C-alpha atoms as a PDB file:
ATOM      1  CA  UNK A   1     -16.890   0.449   9.208  1.00  0.00           C
ATOM      2  CA  UNK A   2     -13.435   0.465   8.495  1.00  0.00           C
ATOM      3  CA  UNK A   3     -12.451   2.698  11.240  1.00  0.00           C
ATOM      4  CA  UNK A   4     -13.758   0.423  14.073  1.00  0.00           C
ATOM      5  CA  UNK A   5     -10.436  -1.045  14.493  1.00  0.00           C
ATOM      6  CA  UNK A   6      -8.580  -4.235  15.046  1.00  0.00           C
ATOM      7  CA  UNK A   7     -11.240  -5.130  17.941  1.00  0.00           C
ATOM      8  CA  UNK A   8     -13.892  -5.592  15.364  1.00  0.00           C
ATOM      9  CA  UNK A   9     -12.432  -8.108  13.710  1.00  0.00           C
ATOM     10  CA  UNK A  10     -15.442 -10.826  14.562  1.00  0.00           C
ATOM     11  CA  UNK A  11     -17.764  -7.877  13.117  1.00  0.00           C
ATOM     12  CA  UNK A  12     -15.644  -8.075   9.587  1.00  0.00           C
ATOM     13  CA  UNK A  13     -15.766 -11.862   9.554  1.00  0.00           C
ATOM     14  CA  UNK A  14     -19.394 -12.110  10.168  1.00  0.00           C
ATOM     15  CA  UNK A  15     -19.959  -9.442   7.786  1.00  0.00           C
ATOM     16  CA  UNK A  16     -17.993 -11.346   5.305  1.00  0.00           C
ATOM     17  CA  UNK A  17     -19.756 -14.376   5.544  1.00  0.00           C
ATOM     18  CA  UNK A  18     -22.743 -12.571   5.121  1.00  0.00           C
ATOM     19  CA  UNK A  19     -21.754 -10.810   2.247  1.00  0.00           C
ATOM     20  CA  UNK A  20     -20.421 -13.572   0.362  1.00  0.00           C
ATOM     21  CA  UNK A  21     -23.724 -15.765   0.983  1.00  0.00           C
ATOM     22  CA  UNK A  22     -25.523 -13.318  -1.465  1.00  0.00           C
ATOM     23  CA  UNK A  23     -26.286  -9.998   0.224  1.00  0.00           C
ATOM     24  CA  UNK A  24     -24.311  -8.322  -2.290  1.00  0.00           C
ATOM     25  CA  UNK A  25     -26.752  -8.522  -4.694  1.00  0.00           C
ATOM     26  CA  UNK A  26     -29.007  -6.078  -2.481  1.00  0.00           C
ATOM     27  CA  UNK A  27     -26.397  -3.394  -2.566  1.00  0.00           C
ATOM     28  CA  UNK A  28     -25.831  -0.687  -4.957  1.00  0.00           C
ATOM     29  CA  UNK A  29     -22.581  -0.160  -7.205  1.00  0.00           C
ATOM     30  CA  UNK A  30     -21.553   2.308  -4.372  1.00  0.00           C
ATOM     31  CA  UNK A  31     -22.041  -0.053  -1.428  1.00  0.00           C
ATOM     32  CA  UNK A  32     -20.266  -2.794  -3.687  1.00  0.00           C
ATOM     33  CA  UNK A  33     -17.430  -0.615  -3.827  1.00  0.00           C
ATOM     34  CA  UNK A  34     -17.693   0.893  -0.672  1.00  0.00           C
ATOM     35  CA  UNK A  35     -17.446  -2.852   0.984  1.00  0.00           C
ATOM     36  CA  UNK A  36     -14.453  -3.658  -0.813  1.00  0.00           C
ATOM     37  CA  UNK A  37     -12.615  -0.438   0.168  1.00  0.00           C
ATOM     38  CA  UNK A  38     -13.886  -0.741   4.090  1.00  0.00           C
ATOM     39  CA  UNK A  39     -12.169  -4.585   3.949  1.00  0.00           C
ATOM     40  CA  UNK A  40      -8.640  -3.301   2.340  1.00  0.00           C
ATOM     41  CA  UNK A  41      -9.007  -0.474   4.810  1.00  0.00           C
ATOM     42  CA  UNK A  42      -9.175  -2.668   7.680  1.00  0.00           C
ATOM     43  CA  UNK A  43      -6.619  -4.957   6.513  1.00  0.00           C
ATOM     44  CA  UNK A  44      -9.325  -7.881   6.214  1.00  0.00           C
ATOM     45  CA  UNK A  45      -8.374  -9.585   3.120  1.00  0.00           C
ATOM     46  CA  UNK A  46     -11.417 -12.209   2.962  1.00  0.00           C
ATOM     47  CA  UNK A  47     -10.487 -13.863   0.012  1.00  0.00           C
ATOM     48  CA  UNK A  48     -14.323 -15.537  -0.471  1.00  0.00           C
ATOM     49  CA  UNK A  49     -15.714 -12.016  -0.166  1.00  0.00           C
ATOM     50  CA  UNK A  50     -13.356 -10.238  -2.618  1.00  0.00           C
ATOM     51  CA  UNK A  51     -14.321 -12.973  -5.035  1.00  0.00           C
ATOM     52  CA  UNK A  52     -18.057 -12.753  -4.552  1.00  0.00           C
ATOM     53  CA  UNK A  53     -17.505  -8.859  -5.094  1.00  0.00           C
ATOM     54  CA  UNK A  54     -15.588  -9.701  -8.149  1.00  0.00           C
ATOM     55  CA  UNK A  55     -18.164 -11.850  -9.378  1.00  0.00           C
ATOM     56  CA  UNK A  56     -20.825  -8.912  -8.897  1.00  0.00           C
ATOM     57  CA  UNK A  57     -19.017  -6.212  -9.601  1.00  0.00           C
ATOM     58  CA  UNK A  58     -17.799  -7.193 -13.454  1.00  0.00           C
ATOM     59  CA  UNK A  59     -21.104  -7.796 -14.807  1.00  0.00           C
ATOM     60  CA  UNK A  60     -22.406  -4.327 -13.297  1.00  0.00           C
ATOM     61  CA  UNK A  61     -19.116  -1.876 -14.352  1.00  0.00           C
ATOM     62  CA  UNK A  62     -21.354   0.149 -16.523  1.00  0.00           C
ATOM     63  CA  UNK A  63     -23.288   1.415 -13.351  1.00  0.00           C
ATOM     64  CA  UNK A  64     -20.304   2.057 -11.191  1.00  0.00           C
ATOM     65  CA  UNK A  65     -19.305   5.883 -10.839  1.00  0.00           C
ATOM     66  CA  UNK A  66     -15.748   6.848 -11.086  1.00  0.00           C
ATOM     67  CA  UNK A  67     -15.187   6.827  -7.079  1.00  0.00           C
ATOM     68  CA  UNK A  68     -16.378   3.253  -7.123  1.00  0.00           C
ATOM     69  CA  UNK A  69     -14.148   1.964  -9.945  1.00  0.00           C
ATOM     70  CA  UNK A  70     -11.307   3.872  -8.034  1.00  0.00           C
ATOM     71  CA  UNK A  71     -12.426   2.026  -4.549  1.00  0.00           C
ATOM     72  CA  UNK A  72     -12.512  -1.253  -6.622  1.00  0.00           C
ATOM     73  CA  UNK A  73      -9.110  -0.878  -8.080  1.00  0.00           C
ATOM     74  CA  UNK A  74      -7.282   0.228  -4.987  1.00  0.00           C
ATOM     75  CA  UNK A  75      -9.311  -2.278  -2.627  1.00  0.00           C
ATOM     76  CA  UNK A  76      -8.203  -4.995  -4.878  1.00  0.00           C
ATOM     77  CA  UNK A  77      -4.674  -3.832  -5.498  1.00  0.00           C
ATOM     78  CA  UNK A  78      -4.203  -3.634  -1.597  1.00  0.00           C
ATOM     79  CA  UNK A  79      -5.403  -7.246  -0.534  1.00  0.00           C
ATOM     80  CA  UNK A  80      -4.294  -8.655  -3.845  1.00  0.00           C
ATOM     81  CA  UNK A  81      -1.909 -11.350  -4.556  1.00  0.00           C
ATOM     82  CA  UNK A  82      -0.243 -11.475  -8.098  1.00  0.00           C
ATOM     83  CA  UNK A  83      -2.332 -14.626  -8.975  1.00  0.00           C
ATOM     84  CA  UNK A  84      -5.541 -13.031  -8.249  1.00  0.00           C
ATOM     85  CA  UNK A  85      -6.094 -11.152 -11.456  1.00  0.00           C
ATOM     86  CA  UNK A  86      -5.101 -14.411 -13.503  1.00  0.00           C
ATOM     87  CA  UNK A  87      -8.406 -16.566 -12.400  1.00  0.00           C
ATOM     88  CA  UNK A  88     -12.056 -16.825 -11.640  1.00  0.00           C
ATOM     89  CA  UNK A  89     -13.833 -13.428 -11.612  1.00  0.00           C
ATOM     90  CA  UNK A  90     -11.351 -11.031 -10.879  1.00  0.00           C
ATOM     91  CA  UNK A  91      -9.916 -11.770 -14.252  1.00  0.00           C
ATOM     92  CA  UNK A  92     -12.837 -10.835 -15.475  1.00  0.00           C
ATOM     93  CA  UNK A  93     -13.751  -7.693 -13.552  1.00  0.00           C
ATOM     94  CA  UNK A  94     -10.194  -5.942 -14.822  1.00  0.00           C
ATOM     95  CA  UNK A  95     -10.398  -7.199 -18.101  1.00  0.00           C
ATOM     96  CA  UNK A  96     -11.035  -4.954 -21.138  1.00  0.00           C
ATOM     97  CA  UNK A  97     -14.311  -3.356 -20.070  1.00  0.00           C
ATOM     98  CA  UNK A  98     -12.731  -2.027 -16.808  1.00  0.00           C
ATOM     99  CA  UNK A  99     -10.374  -0.089 -18.856  1.00  0.00           C
ATOM    100  CA  UNK A 100     -12.802   1.148 -20.955  1.00  0.00           C
ATOM    101  CA  UNK A 101     -14.738   2.471 -18.092  1.00  0.00           C
ATOM    102  CA  UNK A 102     -12.219   4.172 -16.489  1.00  0.00           C
ATOM    103  CA  UNK A 103     -11.237   6.014 -20.212  1.00  0.00           C
ATOM    104  CA  UNK A 104     -14.680   6.903 -20.520  1.00  0.00           C
ATOM    105  CA  UNK A 105     -14.762   8.660 -16.845  1.00  0.00           C
ATOM    106  CA  UNK A 106     -11.072   9.962 -17.005  1.00  0.00           C
ATOM    107  CA  UNK A 107     -12.178  13.374 -16.858  1.00  0.00           C
ATOM    108  CA  UNK A 108     -14.228  12.952 -13.629  1.00  0.00           C
ATOM    109  CA  UNK A 109     -12.029  11.235 -11.378  1.00  0.00           C
ATOM    110  CA  UNK A 110     -10.723  13.348  -8.815  1.00  0.00           C
ATOM    111  CA  UNK A 111      -7.201  13.585  -7.334  1.00  0.00           C
ATOM    112  CA  UNK A 112      -7.629  10.773  -4.641  1.00  0.00           C
ATOM    113  CA  UNK A 113      -9.333   8.693  -7.273  1.00  0.00           C
ATOM    114  CA  UNK A 114      -6.541   8.987  -9.377  1.00  0.00           C
ATOM    115  CA  UNK A 115      -3.918   7.867  -6.791  1.00  0.00           C
ATOM    116  CA  UNK A 116      -6.113   4.607  -6.255  1.00  0.00           C
ATOM    117  CA  UNK A 117      -6.131   3.942 -10.034  1.00  0.00           C
ATOM    118  CA  UNK A 118      -1.975   4.288  -9.751  1.00  0.00           C
ATOM    119  CA  UNK A 119      -1.712   1.332  -7.626  1.00  0.00           C
ATOM    120  CA  UNK A 120      -3.729  -0.718  -9.184  1.00  0.00           C
ATOM    121  CA  UNK A 121      -1.770   0.181 -12.531  1.00  0.00           C
ATOM    122  CA  UNK A 122       1.605  -0.890 -10.426  1.00  0.00           C
ATOM    123  CA  UNK A 123      -0.403  -4.281  -9.260  1.00  0.00           C
ATOM    124  CA  UNK A 124      -2.115  -5.290 -12.114  1.00  0.00           C
ATOM    125  CA  UNK A 125       0.961  -4.587 -14.602  1.00  0.00           C
ATOM    126  CA  UNK A 126       4.235  -5.222 -12.356  1.00  0.00           C
ATOM    127  CA  UNK A 127       2.973  -7.510  -9.789  1.00  0.00           C
ATOM    128  CA  UNK A 128       0.738  -9.552 -11.500  1.00  0.00           C
ATOM    129  CA  UNK A 129       1.915  -8.781 -15.296  1.00  0.00           C
ATOM    130  CA  UNK A 130      -1.153  -8.234 -16.706  1.00  0.00           C
ATOM    131  CA  UNK A 131      -1.949  -5.608 -19.814  1.00  0.00           C
ATOM    132  CA  UNK A 132      -5.387  -6.378 -20.355  1.00  0.00           C
ATOM    133  CA  UNK A 133      -7.560  -3.786 -18.704  1.00  0.00           C
ATOM    134  CA  UNK A 134      -5.197  -1.003 -18.366  1.00  0.00           C
ATOM    135  CA  UNK A 135      -6.569   2.405 -19.069  1.00  0.00           C
ATOM    136  CA  UNK A 136      -5.410   4.690 -21.783  1.00  0.00           C
ATOM    137  CA  UNK A 137      -1.676   5.659 -21.647  1.00  0.00           C
ATOM    138  CA  UNK A 138      -3.031   9.165 -21.258  1.00  0.00           C
ATOM    139  CA  UNK A 139      -4.894   8.569 -17.856  1.00  0.00           C
ATOM    140  CA  UNK A 140      -2.264   6.522 -16.846  1.00  0.00           C
ATOM    141  CA  UNK A 141       0.479   9.444 -16.928  1.00  0.00           C
ATOM    142  CA  UNK A 142      -2.152  11.475 -15.087  1.00  0.00           C
ATOM    143  CA  UNK A 143      -2.569   8.818 -12.619  1.00  0.00           C
ATOM    144  CA  UNK A 144       1.351   8.796 -12.133  1.00  0.00           C
ATOM    145  CA  UNK A 145       1.693  12.570 -11.999  1.00  0.00           C
ATOM    146  CA  UNK A 146      -0.987  12.815  -9.352  1.00  0.00           C
ATOM    147  CA  UNK A 147       0.511  10.252  -7.448  1.00  0.00           C
ATOM    148  CA  UNK A 148       4.161  11.736  -7.678  1.00  0.00           C
ATOM    149  CA  UNK A 149       2.815  14.927  -6.303  1.00  0.00           C
ATOM    150  CA  UNK A 150       1.025  13.841  -3.268  1.00  0.00           C
ATOM    151  CA  UNK A 151       3.965  12.321  -1.778  1.00  0.00           C
ATOM    152  CA  UNK A 152       4.883  13.610   1.688  1.00  0.00           C
ATOM    153  CA  UNK A 153       7.194  16.214   3.238  1.00  0.00           C
ATOM    154  CA  UNK A 154      10.247  14.927   5.671  1.00  0.00           C
ATOM    155  CA  UNK A 155       9.194  15.072   8.989  1.00  0.00           C
ATOM    156  CA  UNK A 156      11.276  15.920  11.996  1.00  0.00           C
ATOM    157  CA  UNK A 157      11.384  12.234  12.915  1.00  0.00           C
ATOM    158  CA  UNK A 158      12.760  11.861   9.306  1.00  0.00           C
ATOM    159  CA  UNK A 159      15.433  14.312   9.999  1.00  0.00           C
ATOM    160  CA  UNK A 160      16.827  12.562  12.873  1.00  0.00           C
ATOM    161  CA  UNK A 161      16.773   9.244  11.197  1.00  0.00           C
ATOM    162  CA  UNK A 162      18.736  10.830   8.130  1.00  0.00           C
ATOM    163  CA  UNK A 163      21.415  12.285  10.929  1.00  0.00           C
ATOM    164  CA  UNK A 164      21.713   8.676  12.025  1.00  0.00           C
ATOM    165  CA  UNK A 165      22.351   7.733   8.907  1.00  0.00           C
ATOM    166  CA  UNK A 166      24.682   9.847   8.189  1.00  0.00           C
ATOM    167  CA  UNK A 167      26.916   9.227  11.041  1.00  0.00           C
ATOM    168  CA  UNK A 168      26.713   5.676  10.390  1.00  0.00           C
ATOM    169  CA  UNK A 169      27.466   5.482   6.413  1.00  0.00           C
ATOM    170  CA  UNK A 170      29.886   8.523   6.473  1.00  0.00           C
ATOM    171  CA  UNK A 171      27.910  10.266   3.631  1.00  0.00           C
ATOM    172  CA  UNK A 172      24.886  12.274   3.371  1.00  0.00           C
ATOM    173  CA  UNK A 173      21.965   9.713   2.224  1.00  0.00           C
ATOM    174  CA  UNK A 174      19.976  10.709  -0.771  1.00  0.00           C
ATOM    175  CA  UNK A 175      16.339  11.629   0.688  1.00  0.00           C
ATOM    176  CA  UNK A 176      12.991  12.066  -0.815  1.00  0.00           C
ATOM    177  CA  UNK A 177      14.018   9.622  -3.907  1.00  0.00           C
ATOM    178  CA  UNK A 178      11.140   9.498  -6.125  1.00  0.00           C
ATOM    179  CA  UNK A 179      11.321   6.099  -8.451  1.00  0.00           C
ATOM    180  CA  UNK A 180      10.266   5.643 -11.769  1.00  0.00           C
ATOM    181  CA  UNK A 181       6.936   4.072 -10.269  1.00  0.00           C
ATOM    182  CA  UNK A 182       6.405   6.975  -8.681  1.00  0.00           C
ATOM    183  CA  UNK A 183       6.864   6.298  -4.864  1.00  0.00           C
ATOM    184  CA  UNK A 184       9.026   8.493  -2.927  1.00  0.00           C
ATOM    185  CA  UNK A 185      11.808   6.942  -0.682  1.00  0.00           C
ATOM    186  CA  UNK A 186      12.559   8.475   2.473  1.00  0.00           C
ATOM    187  CA  UNK A 187      16.098   7.773   2.265  1.00  0.00           C
ATOM    188  CA  UNK A 188      18.419   5.620  -0.568  1.00  0.00           C
ATOM    189  CA  UNK A 189      21.389   4.139   1.369  1.00  0.00           C
ATOM    190  CA  UNK A 190      24.513   2.767  -0.183  1.00  0.00           C
ATOM    191  CA  UNK A 191      25.469  -0.371   2.397  1.00  0.00           C
ATOM    192  CA  UNK A 192      27.941  -3.453   1.846  1.00  0.00           C
ATOM    193  CA  UNK A 193      27.830  -2.849  -1.982  1.00  0.00           C
ATOM    194  CA  UNK A 194      23.777  -2.887  -2.040  1.00  0.00           C
ATOM    195  CA  UNK A 195      21.181  -0.058  -2.645  1.00  0.00           C
ATOM    196  CA  UNK A 196      18.889   0.072   0.678  1.00  0.00           C
ATOM    197  CA  UNK A 197      15.557   2.111   0.630  1.00  0.00           C
ATOM    198  CA  UNK A 198      14.950   3.508   4.095  1.00  0.00           C
ATOM    199  CA  UNK A 199      11.365   4.283   5.013  1.00  0.00           C
ATOM    200  CA  UNK A 200      10.553   6.463   8.428  1.00  0.00           C
ATOM    201  CA  UNK A 201       7.150   5.091   9.707  1.00  0.00           C
ATOM    202  CA  UNK A 202       5.432   7.872  11.888  1.00  0.00           C
ATOM    203  CA  UNK A 203       2.424   7.510  13.787  1.00  0.00           C
ATOM    204  CA  UNK A 204       0.452   8.242  10.622  1.00  0.00           C
ATOM    205  CA  UNK A 205       1.669   5.279   8.903  1.00  0.00           C
ATOM    206  CA  UNK A 206      -0.315   3.112  11.675  1.00  0.00           C
ATOM    207  CA  UNK A 207      -4.083   1.642  11.729  1.00  0.00           C
ATOM    208  CA  UNK A 208      -6.189   4.202  13.983  1.00  0.00           C
ATOM    209  CA  UNK A 209      -7.229   1.973  17.105  1.00  0.00           C
ATOM    210  CA  UNK A 210      -9.854   2.634  19.859  1.00  0.00           C
ATOM    211  CA  UNK A 211      -8.386   3.715  23.526  1.00  0.00           C
ATOM    212  CA  UNK A 212      -9.029   0.448  25.083  1.00  0.00           C
ATOM    213  CA  UNK A 213      -6.797  -1.331  22.120  1.00  0.00           C
ATOM    214  CA  UNK A 214      -3.968  -3.164  22.896  1.00  0.00           C
ATOM    215  CA  UNK A 215      -0.269  -2.000  22.160  1.00  0.00           C
ATOM    216  CA  UNK A 216      -0.133  -4.429  19.548  1.00  0.00           C
ATOM    217  CA  UNK A 217      -3.171  -2.935  17.368  1.00  0.00           C
ATOM    218  CA  UNK A 218      -1.962   0.300  18.128  1.00  0.00           C
ATOM    219  CA  UNK A 219       1.299  -0.900  16.141  1.00  0.00           C
ATOM    220  CA  UNK A 220      -0.368  -2.605  13.140  1.00  0.00           C
ATOM    221  CA  UNK A 221       0.555  -0.929  10.014  1.00  0.00           C
ATOM    222  CA  UNK A 222      -2.029   1.127   7.981  1.00  0.00           C
ATOM    223  CA  UNK A 223      -3.000  -0.835   5.022  1.00  0.00           C
ATOM    224  CA  UNK A 224      -1.808   1.665   2.588  1.00  0.00           C
ATOM    225  CA  UNK A 225       1.894   1.244   4.643  1.00  0.00           C
ATOM    226  CA  UNK A 226       1.442  -2.347   3.801  1.00  0.00           C
ATOM    227  CA  UNK A 227       0.687  -1.645   0.253  1.00  0.00           C
ATOM    228  CA  UNK A 228       3.854   0.533  -0.309  1.00  0.00           C
ATOM    229  CA  UNK A 229       6.057  -1.994   1.500  1.00  0.00           C
ATOM    230  CA  UNK A 230       4.712  -4.835  -0.274  1.00  0.00           C
ATOM    231  CA  UNK A 231       5.012  -2.924  -3.824  1.00  0.00           C
ATOM    232  CA  UNK A 232       8.616  -1.795  -3.281  1.00  0.00           C
ATOM    233  CA  UNK A 233       9.906  -5.291  -2.292  1.00  0.00           C
ATOM    234  CA  UNK A 234       7.734  -6.640  -5.364  1.00  0.00           C
ATOM    235  CA  UNK A 235       9.851  -3.933  -7.551  1.00  0.00           C
ATOM    236  CA  UNK A 236      12.780  -5.053  -6.389  1.00  0.00           C
ATOM    237  CA  UNK A 237      14.033  -3.114  -2.965  1.00  0.00           C
ATOM    238  CA  UNK A 238      15.623  -4.039  -0.534  1.00  0.00           C
ATOM    239  CA  UNK A 239      13.707  -2.423   2.716  1.00  0.00           C
ATOM    240  CA  UNK A 240      14.080  -1.256   5.957  1.00  0.00           C
ATOM    241  CA  UNK A 241      11.054   0.388   7.764  1.00  0.00           C
ATOM    242  CA  UNK A 242      11.949   2.088  11.180  1.00  0.00           C
ATOM    243  CA  UNK A 243       8.873   1.875  13.136  1.00  0.00           C
ATOM    244  CA  UNK A 244       8.492   5.418  15.034  1.00  0.00           C
ATOM    245  CA  UNK A 245       7.809   3.742  18.683  1.00  0.00           C
ATOM    246  CA  UNK A 246      10.984   1.196  18.314  1.00  0.00           C
ATOM    247  CA  UNK A 247      13.348   4.695  17.217  1.00  0.00           C
ATOM    248  CA  UNK A 248      11.619   6.446  20.284  1.00  0.00           C
ATOM    249  CA  UNK A 249      12.925   3.539  22.743  1.00  0.00           C
ATOM    250  CA  UNK A 250      16.467   4.088  21.589  1.00  0.00           C
ATOM    251  CA  UNK A 251      16.071   7.508  23.517  1.00  0.00           C
ATOM    252  CA  UNK A 252      14.931   5.482  26.324  1.00  0.00           C
ATOM    253  CA  UNK A 253      17.194   2.626  26.846  1.00  0.00           C
ATOM    254  CA  UNK A 254      20.558   2.740  28.959  1.00  0.00           C
ATOM    255  CA  UNK A 255      23.595   3.657  26.975  1.00  0.00           C
ATOM    256  CA  UNK A 256      24.705   6.219  24.340  1.00  0.00           C
ATOM    257  CA  UNK A 257      21.264   7.352  22.048  1.00  0.00           C
ATOM    258  CA  UNK A 258      24.244   7.561  19.268  1.00  0.00           C
ATOM    259  CA  UNK A 259      25.597   4.381  19.419  1.00  0.00           C
ATOM    260  CA  UNK A 260      22.311   2.391  20.333  1.00  0.00           C
ATOM    261  CA  UNK A 261      21.020   3.931  17.013  1.00  0.00           C
ATOM    262  CA  UNK A 262      24.002   3.067  15.011  1.00  0.00           C
ATOM    263  CA  UNK A 263      23.651  -0.409  16.149  1.00  0.00           C
ATOM    264  CA  UNK A 264      20.002  -0.726  15.334  1.00  0.00           C
ATOM    265  CA  UNK A 265      20.114   0.884  11.835  1.00  0.00           C
ATOM    266  CA  UNK A 266      23.272  -1.662  10.975  1.00  0.00           C
ATOM    267  CA  UNK A 267      21.452  -4.686  11.752  1.00  0.00           C
ATOM    268  CA  UNK A 268      18.453  -3.473  10.101  1.00  0.00           C
ATOM    269  CA  UNK A 269      20.619  -2.701   6.880  1.00  0.00           C
ATOM    270  CA  UNK A 270      22.371  -6.056   7.603  1.00  0.00           C
ATOM    271  CA  UNK A 271      19.180  -7.852   7.541  1.00  0.00           C
ATOM    272  CA  UNK A 272      17.809  -6.128   4.487  1.00  0.00           C
ATOM    273  CA  UNK A 273      20.865  -6.444   2.248  1.00  0.00           C
ATOM    274  CA  UNK A 274      20.676 -10.580   3.032  1.00  0.00           C
ATOM    275  CA  UNK A 275      16.953 -10.873   1.905  1.00  0.00           C
ATOM    276  CA  UNK A 276      16.924 -12.315  -1.355  1.00  0.00           C
ATOM    277  CA  UNK A 277      15.302  -9.719  -4.189  1.00  0.00           C
ATOM    278  CA  UNK A 278      13.571 -10.131  -7.430  1.00  0.00           C
ATOM    279  CA  UNK A 279      15.756  -8.924 -10.240  1.00  0.00           C
ATOM    280  CA  UNK A 280      15.887  -5.133 -11.100  1.00  0.00           C
ATOM    281  CA  UNK A 281      17.387  -3.075  -8.225  1.00  0.00           C
ATOM    282  CA  UNK A 282      20.687  -4.430  -7.046  1.00  0.00           C
END
């Protein structure tokens, strides 16, 4: 369902309308959580559907397995806006009972589920400013530790971009910088008096699309990539995202590749520095 790609937008919309109209009650707790996961993974926010999911799931939290709790949390964090956990069914869904259910299942969460809970904790506490419903400090520490442990290794593409950044700024940029929230920044550079995070987005950062999909559909960032970008900016980071296909085009263009890379990076860094950011990162 979630892997169908952007060409299935009409199917998602029709399913969202049907489920929002009452069909969710026919689903098991696992089914409800998988619907939320599928729509979030596919990048289909469907606000009415997520409101219905919250209303359906809140009184049934005791029936959800650890995987279901983690899928719900991750899905709402992925599509969520800061106002969402303070009104309506979502506030009830992520109230005190949610934190209690997570703590009761603490020893049963698998590694991937701990990472899902971590991004939810970031959304709930830092983006939404909520404290009610948070798991215990011990579980949060486990989530943070697992999240940081699963950060990736530098790719060949990332190394090429790093070399170009070195030529541009005149010093070697810091690589694979882990910030307090647990995310790893591909590069951290100083540019015109500001710190800028640089993310090199290879093919794995983009949503899977069918062979018949358009170029734009092949270049749609995955839900996890969009989540990371949004959360980094919410934490106050100036951010440059370098898509692999744009970087590859610099090799095919006329002129000196090194000069084209320099201009590309300088323009991207200038744009990031010009952005207005929240307090926290200068």
